[in-house]
Amino acid sequence: MLFNGSLDELKLLVDQLGVACHWRHMGPFEMAVFEDDVSNLKLNWWPQTGELSLVGDPEVRDAMAARLQDLLNG
């Protein structure tokens, strides 16, 4: 997945997923840590390339990735 906007724009998009998260700056990338107490799901975003990747429990990750892709598609 790709996202070429700003961090603030990405935060607004992720908010639409309806799952609480907190953001951490990790040097070359930004990370949203989802607080669902189940999946250990994290969204990593590299601003220089726009690359987005979700990591965590595949059961939750795949469904969340589909929802996020729908939001990215507008």
C-alpha atoms as a PDB file:
ATOM      1  CA  MET A   1       0.000   0.000   0.000  1.00  0.00           C
ATOM      2  CA  LEU A   2       1.098   3.561  -0.632  1.00  0.00           C
ATOM      3  CA  PHE A   3       0.237   6.866   0.985  1.00  0.00           C
ATOM      4  CA  ASN A   4       1.927  10.054  -0.198  1.00  0.00           C
ATOM      5  CA  GLY A   5       0.225  12.638   2.009  1.00  0.00           C
ATOM      6  CA  SER A   6       1.316  14.140   5.308  1.00  0.00           C
ATOM      7  CA  LEU A   7       1.473  12.431   8.695  1.00  0.00           C
ATOM      8  CA  ASP A   8      -1.510  14.479   9.863  1.00  0.00           C
ATOM      9  CA  GLU A   9      -3.523  13.331   6.835  1.00  0.00           C
ATOM     10  CA  LEU A  10      -2.581   9.718   7.531  1.00  0.00           C
ATOM     11  CA  LYS A  11      -3.618  10.072  11.174  1.00  0.00           C
ATOM     12  CA  LEU A  12      -7.053  11.317  10.068  1.00  0.00           C
ATOM     13  CA  LEU A  13      -7.373   8.378   7.690  1.00  0.00           C
ATOM     14  CA  VAL A  14      -6.371   5.849  10.348  1.00  0.00           C
ATOM     15  CA  ASP A  15      -8.863   7.415  12.781  1.00  0.00           C
ATOM     16  CA  GLN A  16     -11.599   6.378  10.351  1.00  0.00           C
ATOM     17  CA  LEU A  17     -10.752   2.727  11.058  1.00  0.00           C
ATOM     18  CA  GLY A  18     -12.361   3.201  14.480  1.00  0.00           C
ATOM     19  CA  VAL A  19      -9.593   1.492  16.486  1.00  0.00           C
ATOM     20  CA  ALA A  20      -7.696   3.489  19.092  1.00  0.00           C
ATOM     21  CA  CYS A  21      -3.974   3.811  18.445  1.00  0.00           C
ATOM     22  CA  HIS A  22      -0.981   5.873  19.433  1.00  0.00           C
ATOM     23  CA  TRP A  23       1.783   7.077  17.128  1.00  0.00           C
ATOM     24  CA  ARG A  24       5.528   6.688  17.563  1.00  0.00           C
ATOM     25  CA  HIS A  25       8.337   8.245  15.548  1.00  0.00           C
ATOM     26  CA  MET A  26      10.835   5.482  14.747  1.00  0.00           C
ATOM     27  CA  GLY A  27      13.555   7.385  12.875  1.00  0.00           C
ATOM     28  CA  PRO A  28      12.962   6.774   9.168  1.00  0.00           C
ATOM     29  CA  PHE A  29       9.352   5.682   9.654  1.00  0.00           C
ATOM     30  CA  GLU A  30       6.233   6.439  11.685  1.00  0.00           C
ATOM     31  CA  MET A  31       4.346   3.715  13.543  1.00  0.00           C
ATOM     32  CA  ALA A  32       0.732   3.523  14.674  1.00  0.00           C
ATOM     33  CA  VAL A  33       0.337   1.003  17.498  1.00  0.00           C
ATOM     34  CA  PHE A  34      -3.270  -0.184  17.651  1.00  0.00           C
ATOM     35  CA  GLU A  35      -4.693  -0.608  21.134  1.00  0.00           C
ATOM     36  CA  ASP A  36      -7.105  -3.500  20.662  1.00  0.00           C
ATOM     37  CA  ASP A  37      -5.448  -5.772  23.297  1.00  0.00           C
ATOM     38  CA  VAL A  38      -5.730  -8.715  20.893  1.00  0.00           C
ATOM     39  CA  SER A  39      -3.741  -8.464  17.680  1.00  0.00           C
ATOM     40  CA  ASN A  40      -0.464  -6.616  18.405  1.00  0.00           C
ATOM     41  CA  LEU A  41      -1.263  -4.756  15.176  1.00  0.00           C
ATOM     42  CA  LYS A  42       1.047  -1.985  13.976  1.00  0.00           C
ATOM     43  CA  LEU A  43       0.979   0.235  10.904  1.00  0.00           C
ATOM     44  CA  ASN A  44       4.371   1.367   9.632  1.00  0.00           C
ATOM     45  CA  TRP A  45       4.704   4.290   7.217  1.00  0.00           C
ATOM     46  CA  TRP A  46       7.871   5.451   5.466  1.00  0.00           C
ATOM     47  CA  PRO A  47       7.222   9.084   4.414  1.00  0.00           C
ATOM     48  CA  GLN A  48      10.063   9.189   1.882  1.00  0.00           C
ATOM     49  CA  THR A  49       8.627   6.330  -0.181  1.00  0.00           C
ATOM     50  CA  GLY A  50       4.985   6.426   0.938  1.00  0.00           C
ATOM     51  CA  GLU A  51       5.082   2.706   1.742  1.00  0.00           C
ATOM     52  CA  LEU A  52       2.549   1.469   4.304  1.00  0.00           C
ATOM     53  CA  SER A  53       2.719  -1.952   5.918  1.00  0.00           C
ATOM     54  CA  LEU A  54       0.587  -3.613   8.559  1.00  0.00           C
ATOM     55  CA  VAL A  55       2.159  -6.162  10.893  1.00  0.00           C
ATOM     56  CA  GLY A  56       0.537  -8.304  13.564  1.00  0.00           C
ATOM     57  CA  ASP A  57      -1.966 -11.127  13.887  1.00  0.00           C
ATOM     58  CA  PRO A  58      -2.930 -12.187  10.329  1.00  0.00           C
ATOM     59  CA  GLU A  59      -6.592 -12.699  11.284  1.00  0.00           C
ATOM     60  CA  VAL A  60      -6.950  -9.056  12.240  1.00  0.00           C
ATOM     61  CA  ARG A  61      -4.249  -7.666   9.936  1.00  0.00           C
ATOM     62  CA  ASP A  62      -5.797  -8.861   6.675  1.00  0.00           C
ATOM     63  CA  ALA A  63      -9.233  -7.433   7.466  1.00  0.00           C
ATOM     64  CA  MET A  64      -7.710  -4.139   8.638  1.00  0.00           C
ATOM     65  CA  ALA A  65      -5.543  -3.952   5.503  1.00  0.00           C
ATOM     66  CA  ALA A  66      -8.628  -4.325   3.324  1.00  0.00           C
ATOM     67  CA  ARG A  67     -10.426  -1.565   5.245  1.00  0.00           C
ATOM     68  CA  LEU A  68      -7.388   0.693   5.012  1.00  0.00           C
ATOM     69  CA  GLN A  69      -7.033   0.066   1.276  1.00  0.00           C
ATOM     70  CA  ASP A  70     -10.689   1.037   0.807  1.00  0.00           C
ATOM     71  CA  LEU A  71     -10.035   4.314   2.629  1.00  0.00           C
ATOM     72  CA  LEU A  72      -6.919   4.959   0.550  1.00  0.00           C
ATOM     73  CA  ASN A  73      -8.919   4.379  -2.629  1.00  0.00           C
ATOM     74  CA  GLY A  74     -11.385   7.024  -1.485  1.00  0.00           C
END
